[in-house]
Amino acid sequence: MPRIKIEPPAHVEYSVTLQVRASDLNYGGHLANHALLTLLQEARLGWLASHGLSETGADGHPGIILGDLAVCFASEAFLGEQLAIDVGVAEYTRVAVALRYAVREVATARLVATASTSCVFFDYHSRKVVPVPQSLKSTQSSGTSAASR
């Protein structure tokens, strides 16, 4: 099977730096694949919060469910390393936003991984898929950046 290729975000809207912890390591002594997913979730939570949103929804805003996830590993990450996780929007549909991620080791800017998720907006009360919130659509049209490091 050929490898997939995921480009880093073209425009970074949010960035967070997280440290690789002992609990993030696998038997090979480097960042485990499931731990990378947890780091991506932390970055996604920050991106959502920067837009006044959350994964589970609150205050009349929908939450999200993941429609898909893809990861391309580029290099190992080790205990104590600081990883910068950049998040940007790749595209909007009527009910979802595709996010791209780039994970880099801070000291050397070494690429650790790229990833993509499709976040489908979901009303947890009605248990139904709902349109992308207007607040995100207006951010998209204005080109506003909400980066944080």
Protein backbone atom coordinates (compact mmCIF):
# COMPACT_ATOMS: atom_id res chain seq x y z
CA MET A 1 0.00 0.00 0.00
CA PRO A 2 1.47 3.40 -0.92
CA ARG A 3 2.03 5.91 1.86
CA ILE A 4 -0.39 8.79 2.14
CA LYS A 5 0.92 12.35 2.12
CA ILE A 6 -0.52 15.07 4.33
CA GLU A 7 0.69 18.61 3.82
CA PRO A 8 1.18 20.83 6.90
CA PRO A 9 -1.41 23.58 7.33
CA ALA A 10 -1.02 26.33 4.73
CA HIS A 11 -2.13 28.92 7.30
CA VAL A 12 -1.59 28.33 11.03
CA GLU A 13 -4.57 29.52 13.10
CA TYR A 14 -3.51 28.02 16.42
CA SER A 15 -0.33 26.59 17.89
CA VAL A 16 0.49 24.97 21.20
CA THR A 17 3.69 23.52 22.65
CA LEU A 18 3.43 20.27 24.61
CA GLN A 19 6.12 18.13 26.24
CA VAL A 20 6.54 14.41 25.59
CA ARG A 21 5.84 12.67 28.92
CA ALA A 22 6.92 9.23 30.15
CA SER A 23 3.34 8.00 29.71
CA ASP A 24 3.54 9.02 26.02
CA LEU A 25 6.31 6.51 25.24
CA ASN A 26 5.95 3.07 23.71
CA TYR A 27 8.15 -0.02 24.04
CA GLY A 28 10.56 1.47 21.48
CA GLY A 29 11.25 4.42 23.79
CA HIS A 30 9.66 7.02 21.51
CA LEU A 31 6.29 8.77 21.20
CA ALA A 32 3.56 6.15 20.83
CA ASN A 33 1.01 6.52 18.05
CA HIS A 34 -1.92 6.65 20.49
CA ALA A 35 -0.13 9.36 22.48
CA LEU A 36 0.26 11.47 19.34
CA LEU A 37 -3.52 11.31 18.91
CA THR A 38 -3.92 12.66 22.44
CA LEU A 39 -1.54 15.54 21.66
CA LEU A 40 -3.53 16.31 18.50
CA GLN A 41 -6.71 16.33 20.57
CA GLU A 42 -5.16 18.87 22.97
CA ALA A 43 -4.31 21.09 20.00
CA ARG A 44 -7.80 20.66 18.54
CA LEU A 45 -9.36 21.59 21.91
CA GLY A 46 -7.26 24.76 21.94
CA TRP A 47 -8.26 25.62 18.37
CA LEU A 48 -11.94 25.10 19.21
CA ALA A 49 -11.63 27.19 22.40
CA SER A 50 -10.00 30.00 20.42
CA HIS A 51 -13.30 30.14 18.49
CA GLY A 52 -15.51 29.88 21.58
CA LEU A 53 -16.35 26.23 20.86
CA SER A 54 -15.76 22.85 22.54
CA GLU A 55 -15.81 19.18 21.56
CA THR A 56 -19.03 18.49 23.46
CA GLY A 57 -20.78 21.80 22.75
CA ALA A 58 -22.06 24.41 25.20
CA ASP A 59 -23.97 27.69 25.37
CA GLY A 60 -26.00 26.96 22.24
CA HIS A 61 -22.96 25.93 20.19
CA PRO A 62 -22.60 22.45 18.71
CA GLY A 63 -19.85 20.02 19.59
CA ILE A 64 -17.91 17.87 17.16
CA ILE A 65 -17.41 14.25 16.28
CA LEU A 66 -14.47 13.06 14.19
CA GLY A 67 -15.43 11.82 10.75
CA ASP A 68 -11.93 10.69 9.90
CA LEU A 69 -8.31 10.92 10.97
CA ALA A 70 -5.07 10.40 9.07
CA VAL A 71 -1.49 10.64 10.34
CA CYS A 72 1.87 10.60 8.58
CA PHE A 73 4.80 9.94 10.89
CA ALA A 74 8.05 11.63 9.84
CA SER A 75 10.43 11.07 12.79
CA GLU A 76 10.59 9.87 16.37
CA ALA A 77 9.94 12.09 19.39
CA PHE A 78 11.51 11.33 22.76
CA LEU A 79 10.95 11.87 26.47
CA GLY A 80 11.18 15.52 27.47
CA GLU A 81 11.14 16.95 23.96
CA GLN A 82 8.93 19.98 23.40
CA LEU A 83 6.60 19.58 20.44
CA ALA A 84 4.98 22.53 18.67
CA ILE A 85 1.62 21.53 17.20
CA ASP A 86 0.30 23.88 14.54
CA VAL A 87 -3.36 23.72 13.50
CA GLY A 88 -4.96 25.21 10.41
CA VAL A 89 -8.15 24.82 8.39
CA ALA A 90 -7.81 22.96 5.10
CA GLU A 91 -11.46 23.28 4.04
CA TYR A 92 -15.03 23.78 5.16
CA THR A 93 -18.08 21.85 4.04
CA ARG A 94 -21.66 22.50 5.05
CA VAL A 95 -21.34 20.43 8.25
CA ALA A 96 -17.61 19.91 8.79
CA VAL A 97 -14.18 21.45 8.91
CA ALA A 98 -11.02 19.65 7.81
CA LEU A 99 -8.10 20.51 10.07
CA ARG A 100 -4.44 20.00 9.24
CA TYR A 101 -1.73 19.62 11.86
CA ALA A 102 2.06 19.84 11.80
CA VAL A 103 3.98 18.48 14.79
CA ARG A 104 7.58 19.68 15.13
CA GLU A 105 10.26 19.29 17.77
CA VAL A 106 10.84 22.84 19.01
CA ALA A 107 14.64 22.95 19.40
CA THR A 108 15.43 21.75 15.87
CA ALA A 109 12.12 22.29 14.00
CA ARG A 110 12.34 18.60 13.03
CA LEU A 111 9.03 17.42 11.58
CA VAL A 112 7.61 14.62 13.74
CA ALA A 113 4.23 14.16 12.03
CA THR A 114 1.51 15.70 9.93
CA ALA A 115 -2.15 14.87 10.41
CA SER A 116 -5.63 15.65 9.20
CA THR A 117 -9.01 15.35 10.90
CA SER A 118 -12.52 15.95 9.66
CA CYS A 119 -14.53 17.54 12.49
CA VAL A 120 -18.26 17.09 11.90
CA PHE A 121 -20.42 19.50 13.89
CA PHE A 122 -22.87 17.67 16.10
CA ASP A 123 -25.69 18.63 18.45
CA TYR A 124 -25.32 16.24 21.38
CA HIS A 125 -28.82 17.11 22.65
CA SER A 126 -30.68 16.26 19.43
CA ARG A 127 -28.03 13.66 18.39
CA LYS A 128 -27.90 15.18 14.90
CA VAL A 129 -25.27 16.57 12.56
CA VAL A 130 -25.62 20.36 12.23
CA PRO A 131 -24.11 23.08 10.00
CA VAL A 132 -20.73 24.67 10.70
CA PRO A 133 -21.25 27.48 13.25
CA GLN A 134 -21.62 30.95 11.74
CA SER A 135 -18.76 32.19 13.97
CA LEU A 136 -16.34 29.92 12.08
CA LYS A 137 -17.70 30.95 8.69
CA SER A 138 -17.15 34.63 9.54
CA THR A 139 -13.59 33.86 10.71
CA GLN A 140 -12.98 32.08 7.42
CA SER A 141 -14.13 35.04 5.36
CA SER A 142 -12.21 37.61 7.41
CA GLY A 143 -8.99 35.59 7.51
CA THR A 144 -8.67 36.14 11.25
CA SER A 145 -5.88 34.22 12.95
CA ALA A 146 -6.11 33.01 16.53
CA ALA A 147 -2.59 31.68 17.06
CA SER A 148 -1.31 31.01 20.54
CA ARG A 149 1.98 29.58 21.61
